[in-house]
Every structure is written in C-alpha cells, then in structure tokens.
Amino acid sequence: MTETTPVICPSCFQEFEVPCPHSTEVPCDVDYDCEVCCRPMRILFEDEDGEMRATACGLGE
C-alpha cells in the first residue's frame, strides 16, 4: 500500500492527498498537477522525524 500525505494547492487552495516517494528518495521535489484545478505545481517532500511532509508551490515560485 502506498503512503500518502496531504498537500494544499497554491492556486486553488484545496487540500488533497498525494503519494509519497520512497524514504530513500527524500528530500526531493516533483512536478505535479493539482487534482482539483489541474494547475501545475512543484511538491517538495521532506522527512521530518520519520514523518513525510509535502509542501506545494507554484512553478514560478
């Protein structure tokens, strides 16, 4: 089962779940399209004390 983490779209401000990369690949950032408004964004994945954290920002940020 794939682990997910919540993220908030920087365009429409809706929260949705995204699949987490494997812990050996973190930290990393990925291009992703919002599941609500379909706008592109970058999601930065970080491991904070064993818990996956995702932060989204627009492509121009």
Protein backbone atom coordinates (compact mmCIF):
# COMPACT_ATOMS: atom_id res chain seq x y z
CA MET A 1 0.00 0.00 0.00
CA THR A 2 1.33 3.42 -0.96
CA GLU A 3 1.70 6.01 1.78
CA THR A 4 0.07 9.39 1.09
CA THR A 5 0.39 12.83 2.60
CA PRO A 6 -1.84 15.91 2.35
CA VAL A 7 -0.84 18.91 0.26
CA ILE A 8 -2.57 22.25 -0.39
CA CYS A 9 -2.66 23.58 -3.95
CA PRO A 10 -1.03 27.03 -4.19
CA SER A 11 -3.54 28.04 -6.90
CA CYS A 12 -6.97 26.92 -5.68
CA PHE A 13 -6.03 26.28 -2.00
CA GLN A 14 -7.79 22.90 -1.95
CA GLU A 15 -6.24 20.09 0.08
CA PHE A 16 -5.79 16.61 -1.41
CA GLU A 17 -3.62 13.55 -0.84
CA VAL A 18 -0.52 12.76 -2.91
CA PRO A 19 1.53 9.56 -2.96
CA CYS A 20 4.83 9.80 -1.09
CA PRO A 21 8.14 8.83 -2.68
CA HIS A 22 10.18 6.09 -1.04
CA SER A 23 12.05 7.32 2.05
CA THR A 24 15.42 6.71 0.33
CA GLU A 25 14.46 9.30 -2.34
CA VAL A 26 13.69 12.09 0.14
CA PRO A 27 14.27 15.03 0.12
CA CYS A 28 13.08 15.58 -3.43
CA ASP A 29 10.72 17.73 -5.43
CA VAL A 30 8.37 16.60 -8.17
CA ASP A 31 6.19 18.28 -10.77
CA TYR A 32 2.53 17.53 -10.11
CA ASP A 33 -0.83 18.75 -11.43
CA CYS A 34 -3.47 19.71 -8.88
CA GLU A 35 -6.15 17.04 -8.61
CA VAL A 36 -8.80 19.76 -8.20
CA CYS A 37 -7.96 22.61 -10.60
CA CYS A 38 -5.31 20.80 -12.75
CA ARG A 39 -2.76 23.63 -12.49
CA PRO A 40 0.89 22.62 -12.38
CA MET A 41 2.91 22.87 -9.17
CA ARG A 42 6.08 21.60 -7.55
CA ILE A 43 5.82 19.48 -4.42
CA LEU A 44 8.79 19.31 -2.07
CA PHE A 45 8.88 16.12 0.00
CA GLU A 46 10.84 16.12 3.27
CA ASP A 47 11.20 13.60 6.08
CA GLU A 48 10.69 15.16 9.50
CA ASP A 49 11.47 12.69 12.28
CA GLY A 50 10.13 9.75 10.28
CA GLU A 51 7.02 11.55 9.06
CA MET A 52 6.69 12.56 5.41
CA ARG A 53 5.87 16.22 4.81
CA ALA A 54 4.83 17.74 1.47
CA THR A 55 4.88 21.43 0.61
CA ALA A 56 3.48 22.71 -2.70
CA CYS A 57 4.42 25.86 -4.57
CA GLY A 58 3.62 27.27 -7.99
CA LEU A 59 6.07 26.68 -10.82
CA GLY A 60 7.10 30.35 -10.84
CA GLU A 61 7.94 30.44 -7.11
